[in-house]
Amino acid sequence: RKPHERAQACRTVSAPERLNELTGIATLGVLPWLAHGL
């Protein structure tokens, strides 16, 4: 790939950021895994 393409491919983004890029919808939060007992 061209240098700028390699840099873009290696860029690390969080999952919420990537979802925003793909969908245009902001992620308002990520709940942790809970042993809730419900």
All heavy atoms as atom14 arrays in JSON, in Angstrom:
{
  "sequence": "RKPHERAQACRTVSAPERLNELTGIATLGVLPWLAHGL",
  "atom14_mask": [
    [1, 1, 1, 1, 1, 1, 1, 1, 1, 1, 1, 0, 0, 0],
    [1, 1, 1, 1, 1, 1, 1, 1, 1, 0, 0, 0, 0, 0],
    [1, 1, 1, 1, 1, 1, 1, 0, 0, 0, 0, 0, 0, 0],
    [1, 1, 1, 1, 1, 1, 1, 1, 1, 1, 0, 0, 0, 0],
    [1, 1, 1, 1, 1, 1, 1, 1, 1, 0, 0, 0, 0, 0],
    [1, 1, 1, 1, 1, 1, 1, 1, 1, 1, 1, 0, 0, 0],
    [1, 1, 1, 1, 1, 0, 0, 0, 0, 0, 0, 0, 0, 0],
    [1, 1, 1, 1, 1, 1, 1, 1, 1, 0, 0, 0, 0, 0],
    [1, 1, 1, 1, 1, 0, 0, 0, 0, 0, 0, 0, 0, 0],
    [1, 1, 1, 1, 1, 1, 0, 0, 0, 0, 0, 0, 0, 0],
    [1, 1, 1, 1, 1, 1, 1, 1, 1, 1, 1, 0, 0, 0],
    [1, 1, 1, 1, 1, 1, 1, 0, 0, 0, 0, 0, 0, 0],
    [1, 1, 1, 1, 1, 1, 1, 0, 0, 0, 0, 0, 0, 0],
    [1, 1, 1, 1, 1, 1, 0, 0, 0, 0, 0, 0, 0, 0],
    [1, 1, 1, 1, 1, 0, 0, 0, 0, 0, 0, 0, 0, 0],
    [1, 1, 1, 1, 1, 1, 1, 0, 0, 0, 0, 0, 0, 0],
    [1, 1, 1, 1, 1, 1, 1, 1, 1, 0, 0, 0, 0, 0],
    [1, 1, 1, 1, 1, 1, 1, 1, 1, 1, 1, 0, 0, 0],
    [1, 1, 1, 1, 1, 1, 1, 1, 0, 0, 0, 0, 0, 0],
    [1, 1, 1, 1, 1, 1, 1, 1, 0, 0, 0, 0, 0, 0],
    [1, 1, 1, 1, 1, 1, 1, 1, 1, 0, 0, 0, 0, 0],
    [1, 1, 1, 1, 1, 1, 1, 1, 0, 0, 0, 0, 0, 0],
    [1, 1, 1, 1, 1, 1, 1, 0, 0, 0, 0, 0, 0, 0],
    [1, 1, 1, 1, 0, 0, 0, 0, 0, 0, 0, 0, 0, 0],
    [1, 1, 1, 1, 1, 1, 1, 1, 0, 0, 0, 0, 0, 0],
    [1, 1, 1, 1, 1, 0, 0, 0, 0, 0, 0, 0, 0, 0],
    [1, 1, 1, 1, 1, 1, 1, 0, 0, 0, 0, 0, 0, 0],
    [1, 1, 1, 1, 1, 1, 1, 1, 0, 0, 0, 0, 0, 0],
    [1, 1, 1, 1, 0, 0, 0, 0, 0, 0, 0, 0, 0, 0],
    [1, 1, 1, 1, 1, 1, 1, 0, 0, 0, 0, 0, 0, 0],
    [1, 1, 1, 1, 1, 1, 1, 1, 0, 0, 0, 0, 0, 0],
    [1, 1, 1, 1, 1, 1, 1, 0, 0, 0, 0, 0, 0, 0],
    [1, 1, 1, 1, 1, 1, 1, 1, 1, 1, 1, 1, 1, 1],
    [1, 1, 1, 1, 1, 1, 1, 1, 0, 0, 0, 0, 0, 0],
    [1, 1, 1, 1, 1, 0, 0, 0, 0, 0, 0, 0, 0, 0],
    [1, 1, 1, 1, 1, 1, 1, 1, 1, 1, 0, 0, 0, 0],
    [1, 1, 1, 1, 0, 0, 0, 0, 0, 0, 0, 0, 0, 0],
    [1, 1, 1, 1, 1, 1, 1, 1, 0, 0, 0, 0, 0, 0]
  ],
  "atom14_positions": [
    [[0.84, -1.19, 0.0], [0.0, 0.0, 0.0], [0.87, 1.24, 0.0], [2.04, 1.21, 0.36], [-0.9, 0.02, 1.25], [-2.02, -1.01, 1.21], [-2.83, -0.95, 2.48], [-3.98, -1.84, 2.43], [-4.79, -2.06, 3.46], [-4.54, -1.46, 4.61], [-5.8, -2.87, 3.33], [0.0, 0.0, 0.0], [0.0, 0.0, 0.0], [0.0, 0.0, 0.0]],
    [[0.26, 2.36, -0.38], [0.93, 3.64, -0.3], [1.13, 4.0, 1.17], [0.38, 3.57, 2.03], [0.12, 4.7, -1.01], [-0.02, 4.45, -2.51], [-0.89, 5.49, -3.16], [-1.05, 5.2, -4.66], [-1.92, 6.2, -5.32], [0.0, 0.0, 0.0], [0.0, 0.0, 0.0], [0.0, 0.0, 0.0], [0.0, 0.0, 0.0], [0.0, 0.0, 0.0]],
    [[2.14, 4.84, 1.47], [2.44, 5.18, 2.87], [1.24, 5.69, 3.66], [1.01, 5.28, 4.79], [3.53, 6.24, 2.74], [4.2, 5.91, 1.44], [3.11, 5.43, 0.54], [0.0, 0.0, 0.0], [0.0, 0.0, 0.0], [0.0, 0.0, 0.0], [0.0, 0.0, 0.0], [0.0, 0.0, 0.0], [0.0, 0.0, 0.0], [0.0, 0.0, 0.0]],
    [[0.44, 6.61, 3.07], [-0.68, 7.16, 3.83], [-1.75, 6.11, 4.06], [-2.47, 6.14, 5.06], [-1.25, 8.39, 3.11], [-2.04, 8.05, 1.87], [-1.43, 7.81, 0.66], [-3.38, 7.92, 1.67], [-2.37, 7.56, -0.25], [-3.55, 7.61, 0.35], [0.0, 0.0, 0.0], [0.0, 0.0, 0.0], [0.0, 0.0, 0.0], [0.0, 0.0, 0.0]],
    [[-1.86, 5.13, 3.12], [-2.83, 4.05, 3.3], [-2.4, 3.1, 4.41], [-3.21, 2.61, 5.2], [-3.0, 3.27, 1.99], [-3.69, 4.07, 0.88], [-3.75, 3.29, -0.41], [-2.9, 2.4, -0.59], [-4.66, 3.57, -1.21], [0.0, 0.0, 0.0], [0.0, 0.0, 0.0], [0.0, 0.0, 0.0], [0.0, 0.0, 0.0], [0.0, 0.0, 0.0]],
    [[-1.06, 2.83, 4.5], [-0.57, 1.97, 5.56], [-0.77, 2.62, 6.93], [-1.15, 1.98, 7.9], [0.92, 1.66, 5.35], [1.18, 0.75, 4.15], [2.52, 0.06, 4.27], [3.63, 1.01, 4.3], [4.26, 1.46, 3.21], [3.86, 1.06, 2.0], [5.27, 2.31, 3.31], [0.0, 0.0, 0.0], [0.0, 0.0, 0.0], [0.0, 0.0, 0.0]],
    [[-0.54, 3.92, 7.0], [-0.73, 4.63, 8.26], [-2.18, 4.58, 8.72], [-2.49, 4.38, 9.89], [-0.26, 6.08, 8.11], [0.0, 0.0, 0.0], [0.0, 0.0, 0.0], [0.0, 0.0, 0.0], [0.0, 0.0, 0.0], [0.0, 0.0, 0.0], [0.0, 0.0, 0.0], [0.0, 0.0, 0.0], [0.0, 0.0, 0.0], [0.0, 0.0, 0.0]],
    [[-3.09, 4.75, 7.74], [-4.51, 4.7, 8.08], [-4.93, 3.31, 8.52], [-5.7, 3.14, 9.45], [-5.34, 5.16, 6.87], [-6.84, 5.27, 7.2], [-7.63, 5.82, 6.03], [-7.14, 5.85, 4.91], [-8.84, 6.25, 6.31], [0.0, 0.0, 0.0], [0.0, 0.0, 0.0], [0.0, 0.0, 0.0], [0.0, 0.0, 0.0], [0.0, 0.0, 0.0]],
    [[-4.37, 2.26, 7.84], [-4.74, 0.88, 8.19], [-4.23, 0.51, 9.56], [-4.84, -0.28, 10.27], [-4.17, -0.08, 7.14], [0.0, 0.0, 0.0], [0.0, 0.0, 0.0], [0.0, 0.0, 0.0], [0.0, 0.0, 0.0], [0.0, 0.0, 0.0], [0.0, 0.0, 0.0], [0.0, 0.0, 0.0], [0.0, 0.0, 0.0], [0.0, 0.0, 0.0]],
    [[-3.08, 1.08, 9.98], [-2.49, 0.75, 11.27], [-3.04, 1.61, 12.4], [-2.7, 1.38, 13.56], [-0.97, 0.91, 11.21], [-0.19, -0.31, 10.12], [0.0, 0.0, 0.0], [0.0, 0.0, 0.0], [0.0, 0.0, 0.0], [0.0, 0.0, 0.0], [0.0, 0.0, 0.0], [0.0, 0.0, 0.0], [0.0, 0.0, 0.0], [0.0, 0.0, 0.0]],
    [[-3.83, 2.61, 12.09], [-4.35, 3.5, 13.12], [-5.26, 2.74, 14.07], [-6.15, 2.0, 13.66], [-5.14, 4.64, 12.46], [-5.67, 5.68, 13.44], [-6.25, 6.87, 12.69], [-7.38, 6.46, 11.87], [-8.65, 6.49, 12.29], [-8.93, 6.9, 13.51], [-9.63, 6.13, 11.5], [0.0, 0.0, 0.0], [0.0, 0.0, 0.0], [0.0, 0.0, 0.0]],
    [[-5.01, 2.9, 15.35], [-5.81, 2.23, 16.36], [-6.94, 3.13, 16.82], [-6.7, 4.28, 17.22], [-4.94, 1.85, 17.57], [-3.88, 1.0, 17.14], [-5.76, 1.14, 18.62], [0.0, 0.0, 0.0], [0.0, 0.0, 0.0], [0.0, 0.0, 0.0], [0.0, 0.0, 0.0], [0.0, 0.0, 0.0], [0.0, 0.0, 0.0], [0.0, 0.0, 0.0]],
    [[-8.14, 2.62, 16.73], [-9.3, 3.37, 17.21], [-10.1, 2.47, 18.14], [-10.04, 1.25, 18.05], [-10.21, 3.84, 16.04], [-9.46, 4.79, 15.13], [-10.74, 2.65, 15.25], [0.0, 0.0, 0.0], [0.0, 0.0, 0.0], [0.0, 0.0, 0.0], [0.0, 0.0, 0.0], [0.0, 0.0, 0.0], [0.0, 0.0, 0.0], [0.0, 0.0, 0.0]],
    [[-10.84, 3.1, 19.04], [-11.69, 2.32, 19.94], [-12.91, 1.81, 19.17], [-13.26, 2.34, 18.1], [-12.14, 3.19, 21.11], [-12.99, 4.23, 20.64], [0.0, 0.0, 0.0], [0.0, 0.0, 0.0], [0.0, 0.0, 0.0], [0.0, 0.0, 0.0], [0.0, 0.0, 0.0], [0.0, 0.0, 0.0], [0.0, 0.0, 0.0], [0.0, 0.0, 0.0]],
    [[-13.53, 0.8, 19.71], [-14.72, 0.25, 19.07], [-15.83, 1.29, 18.93], [-16.45, 1.38, 17.86], [-15.21, -0.97, 19.85], [0.0, 0.0, 0.0], [0.0, 0.0, 0.0], [0.0, 0.0, 0.0], [0.0, 0.0, 0.0], [0.0, 0.0, 0.0], [0.0, 0.0, 0.0], [0.0, 0.0, 0.0], [0.0, 0.0, 0.0], [0.0, 0.0, 0.0]],
    [[-16.11, 2.1, 19.96], [-17.15, 3.13, 19.77], [-16.81, 4.13, 18.67], [-17.68, 4.54, 17.9], [-17.19, 3.83, 21.15], [-16.76, 2.77, 22.11], [-15.7, 2.01, 21.37], [0.0, 0.0, 0.0], [0.0, 0.0, 0.0], [0.0, 0.0, 0.0], [0.0, 0.0, 0.0], [0.0, 0.0, 0.0], [0.0, 0.0, 0.0], [0.0, 0.0, 0.0]],
    [[-15.5, 4.51, 18.57], [-15.11, 5.42, 17.5], [-15.33, 4.79, 16.13], [-15.79, 5.44, 15.18], [-13.64, 5.8, 17.66], [-13.34, 6.75, 18.81], [-11.86, 7.03, 18.95], [-11.07, 6.06, 18.99], [-11.49, 8.2, 19.0], [0.0, 0.0, 0.0], [0.0, 0.0, 0.0], [0.0, 0.0, 0.0], [0.0, 0.0, 0.0], [0.0, 0.0, 0.0]],
    [[-14.97, 3.52, 16.01], [-15.12, 2.84, 14.73], [-16.59, 2.7, 14.35], [-16.96, 2.85, 13.19], [-14.45, 1.46, 14.8], [-14.44, 0.7, 13.49], [-13.75, 1.49, 12.39], [-13.68, 0.72, 11.15], [-13.65, 1.27, 9.95], [-13.69, 2.61, 9.83], [-13.57, 0.52, 8.88], [0.0, 0.0, 0.0], [0.0, 0.0, 0.0], [0.0, 0.0, 0.0]],
    [[-17.42, 2.41, 15.33], [-18.86, 2.32, 15.06], [-19.4, 3.66, 14.59], [-20.24, 3.73, 13.69], [-19.6, 1.87, 16.33], [-19.52, 0.39, 16.69], [-20.17, 0.14, 18.05], [-20.22, -0.45, 15.63], [0.0, 0.0, 0.0], [0.0, 0.0, 0.0], [0.0, 0.0, 0.0], [0.0, 0.0, 0.0], [0.0, 0.0, 0.0], [0.0, 0.0, 0.0]],
    [[-18.89, 4.73, 15.2], [-19.32, 6.07, 14.78], [-18.89, 6.34, 13.34], [-19.65, 6.92, 12.54], [-18.71, 7.11, 15.73], [-19.39, 8.47, 15.6], [-20.31, 8.63, 14.81], [-18.94, 9.43, 16.37], [0.0, 0.0, 0.0], [0.0, 0.0, 0.0], [0.0, 0.0, 0.0], [0.0, 0.0, 0.0], [0.0, 0.0, 0.0], [0.0, 0.0, 0.0]],
    [[-17.65, 5.93, 12.98], [-17.17, 6.11, 11.62], [-18.03, 5.34, 10.62], [-18.34, 5.82, 9.53], [-15.72, 5.64, 11.51], [-14.72, 6.52, 12.24], [-13.31, 5.94, 12.17], [-13.16, 4.85, 11.58], [-12.38, 6.57, 12.7], [0.0, 0.0, 0.0], [0.0, 0.0, 0.0], [0.0, 0.0, 0.0], [0.0, 0.0, 0.0], [0.0, 0.0, 0.0]],
    [[-18.42, 4.13, 10.98], [-19.15, 3.27, 10.06], [-20.63, 3.64, 9.95], [-21.24, 3.47, 8.89], [-19.03, 1.81, 10.5], [-17.63, 1.18, 10.4], [-17.62, -0.19, 11.06], [-17.19, 1.08, 8.95], [0.0, 0.0, 0.0], [0.0, 0.0, 0.0], [0.0, 0.0, 0.0], [0.0, 0.0, 0.0], [0.0, 0.0, 0.0], [0.0, 0.0, 0.0]],
    [[-21.21, 4.12, 11.06], [-22.66, 4.33, 11.07], [-23.07, 5.78, 11.2], [-24.22, 6.12, 10.91], [-23.3, 3.55, 12.24], [-22.84, 4.11, 13.49], [-22.92, 2.08, 12.19], [0.0, 0.0, 0.0], [0.0, 0.0, 0.0], [0.0, 0.0, 0.0], [0.0, 0.0, 0.0], [0.0, 0.0, 0.0], [0.0, 0.0, 0.0], [0.0, 0.0, 0.0]],
    [[-22.14, 6.63, 11.69], [-22.51, 8.0, 11.95], [-23.33, 8.17, 13.21], [-23.88, 9.23, 13.47], [0.0, 0.0, 0.0], [0.0, 0.0, 0.0], [0.0, 0.0, 0.0], [0.0, 0.0, 0.0], [0.0, 0.0, 0.0], [0.0, 0.0, 0.0], [0.0, 0.0, 0.0], [0.0, 0.0, 0.0], [0.0, 0.0, 0.0], [0.0, 0.0, 0.0]],
    [[-23.4, 7.13, 14.0], [-24.18, 7.16, 15.24], [-23.22, 7.04, 16.42], [-22.42, 6.1, 16.49], [-25.2, 6.01, 15.3], [-26.18, 6.13, 14.12], [-25.96, 6.02, 16.62], [-27.13, 4.96, 14.0], [0.0, 0.0, 0.0], [0.0, 0.0, 0.0], [0.0, 0.0, 0.0], [0.0, 0.0, 0.0], [0.0, 0.0, 0.0], [0.0, 0.0, 0.0]],
    [[-23.31, 7.97, 17.34], [-22.41, 7.96, 18.49], [-22.78, 6.86, 19.47], [-23.96, 6.53, 19.64], [-22.47, 9.32, 19.19], [0.0, 0.0, 0.0], [0.0, 0.0, 0.0], [0.0, 0.0, 0.0], [0.0, 0.0, 0.0], [0.0, 0.0, 0.0], [0.0, 0.0, 0.0], [0.0, 0.0, 0.0], [0.0, 0.0, 0.0], [0.0, 0.0, 0.0]],
    [[-21.77, 6.27, 20.09], [-21.99, 5.28, 21.15], [-22.04, 6.02, 22.49], [-21.1, 6.73, 22.85], [-20.85, 4.25, 21.18], [-20.83, 3.55, 19.93], [-21.05, 3.25, 22.31], [0.0, 0.0, 0.0], [0.0, 0.0, 0.0], [0.0, 0.0, 0.0], [0.0, 0.0, 0.0], [0.0, 0.0, 0.0], [0.0, 0.0, 0.0], [0.0, 0.0, 0.0]],
    [[-23.11, 5.86, 23.2], [-23.3, 6.6, 24.45], [-22.73, 5.87, 25.65], [-22.67, 6.42, 26.76], [-24.78, 6.87, 24.68], [-25.46, 7.73, 23.61], [-26.91, 7.98, 23.97], [-24.72, 9.05, 23.42], [0.0, 0.0, 0.0], [0.0, 0.0, 0.0], [0.0, 0.0, 0.0], [0.0, 0.0, 0.0], [0.0, 0.0, 0.0], [0.0, 0.0, 0.0]],
    [[-22.3, 4.63, 25.48], [-21.71, 3.92, 26.61], [-21.53, 2.45, 26.28], [-22.13, 1.92, 25.35], [0.0, 0.0, 0.0], [0.0, 0.0, 0.0], [0.0, 0.0, 0.0], [0.0, 0.0, 0.0], [0.0, 0.0, 0.0], [0.0, 0.0, 0.0], [0.0, 0.0, 0.0], [0.0, 0.0, 0.0], [0.0, 0.0, 0.0], [0.0, 0.0, 0.0]],
    [[-20.67, 1.81, 27.04], [-20.42, 0.37, 26.91], [-20.53, -0.23, 28.3], [-19.75, 0.11, 29.2], [-19.03, 0.08, 26.32], [-18.8, -1.43, 26.25], [-18.88, 0.71, 24.94], [0.0, 0.0, 0.0], [0.0, 0.0, 0.0], [0.0, 0.0, 0.0], [0.0, 0.0, 0.0], [0.0, 0.0, 0.0], [0.0, 0.0, 0.0], [0.0, 0.0, 0.0]],
    [[-21.5, -1.1, 28.48], [-21.69, -1.73, 29.78], [-20.69, -2.87, 29.97], [-20.45, -3.65, 29.04], [-23.1, -2.3, 29.91], [-24.23, -1.29, 30.14], [-25.58, -1.99, 30.11], [-24.04, -0.59, 31.48], [0.0, 0.0, 0.0], [0.0, 0.0, 0.0], [0.0, 0.0, 0.0], [0.0, 0.0, 0.0], [0.0, 0.0, 0.0], [0.0, 0.0, 0.0]],
    [[-20.11, -3.0, 31.16], [-19.21, -4.12, 31.43], [-20.02, -5.42, 31.57], [-21.23, -5.39, 31.76], [-18.56, -3.73, 32.76], [-19.6, -2.89, 33.44], [-20.27, -2.12, 32.33], [0.0, 0.0, 0.0], [0.0, 0.0, 0.0], [0.0, 0.0, 0.0], [0.0, 0.0, 0.0], [0.0, 0.0, 0.0], [0.0, 0.0, 0.0], [0.0, 0.0, 0.0]],
    [[-19.31, -6.53, 31.48], [-19.96, -7.83, 31.72], [-20.23, -7.95, 33.22], [-19.34, -7.77, 34.04], [-19.06, -8.97, 31.26], [-19.68, -10.31, 31.52], [-19.47, -11.13, 32.58], [-20.65, -10.97, 30.7], [-20.24, -12.27, 32.49], [-20.97, -12.2, 31.34], [-21.27, -10.65, 29.5], [-21.88, -13.1, 30.81], [-22.18, -11.56, 28.96], [-22.48, -12.76, 29.62]],
    [[-21.48, -8.23, 33.59], [-21.86, -8.28, 35.0], [-22.39, -9.66, 35.37], [-23.21, -10.23, 34.64], [-22.94, -7.24, 35.29], [-22.59, -5.77, 35.09], [-23.83, -4.92, 35.27], [-21.51, -5.35, 36.07], [0.0, 0.0, 0.0], [0.0, 0.0, 0.0], [0.0, 0.0, 0.0], [0.0, 0.0, 0.0], [0.0, 0.0, 0.0], [0.0, 0.0, 0.0]],
    [[-21.94, -10.18, 36.48], [-22.55, -11.37, 37.08], [-23.72, -10.87, 37.92], [-23.66, -10.8, 39.15], [-21.54, -12.13, 37.92], [0.0, 0.0, 0.0], [0.0, 0.0, 0.0], [0.0, 0.0, 0.0], [0.0, 0.0, 0.0], [0.0, 0.0, 0.0], [0.0, 0.0, 0.0], [0.0, 0.0, 0.0], [0.0, 0.0, 0.0], [0.0, 0.0, 0.0]],
    [[-24.81, -10.5, 37.24], [-25.87, -9.73, 37.88], [-26.79, -10.54, 38.77], [-27.38, -10.02, 39.71], [-26.69, -8.99, 36.83], [-27.16, -9.87, 35.71], [-28.12, -10.84, 35.88], [-26.78, -9.93, 34.4], [-28.35, -11.44, 34.74], [-27.54, -10.92, 33.81], [0.0, 0.0, 0.0], [0.0, 0.0, 0.0], [0.0, 0.0, 0.0], [0.0, 0.0, 0.0]],
    [[-26.97, -11.82, 38.49], [-27.85, -12.63, 39.32], [-29.33, -12.43, 39.06], [-30.17, -12.89, 39.84], [0.0, 0.0, 0.0], [0.0, 0.0, 0.0], [0.0, 0.0, 0.0], [0.0, 0.0, 0.0], [0.0, 0.0, 0.0], [0.0, 0.0, 0.0], [0.0, 0.0, 0.0], [0.0, 0.0, 0.0], [0.0, 0.0, 0.0], [0.0, 0.0, 0.0]],
    [[-29.68, -11.76, 37.96], [-31.1, -11.58, 37.63], [-31.67, -12.87, 37.04], [-30.95, -13.67, 36.45], [-31.27, -10.44, 36.63], [-30.94, -9.04, 37.15], [-31.02, -8.03, 36.03], [-31.89, -8.65, 38.28], [0.0, 0.0, 0.0], [0.0, 0.0, 0.0], [0.0, 0.0, 0.0], [0.0, 0.0, 0.0], [0.0, 0.0, 0.0], [0.0, 0.0, 0.0]]
  ]
}
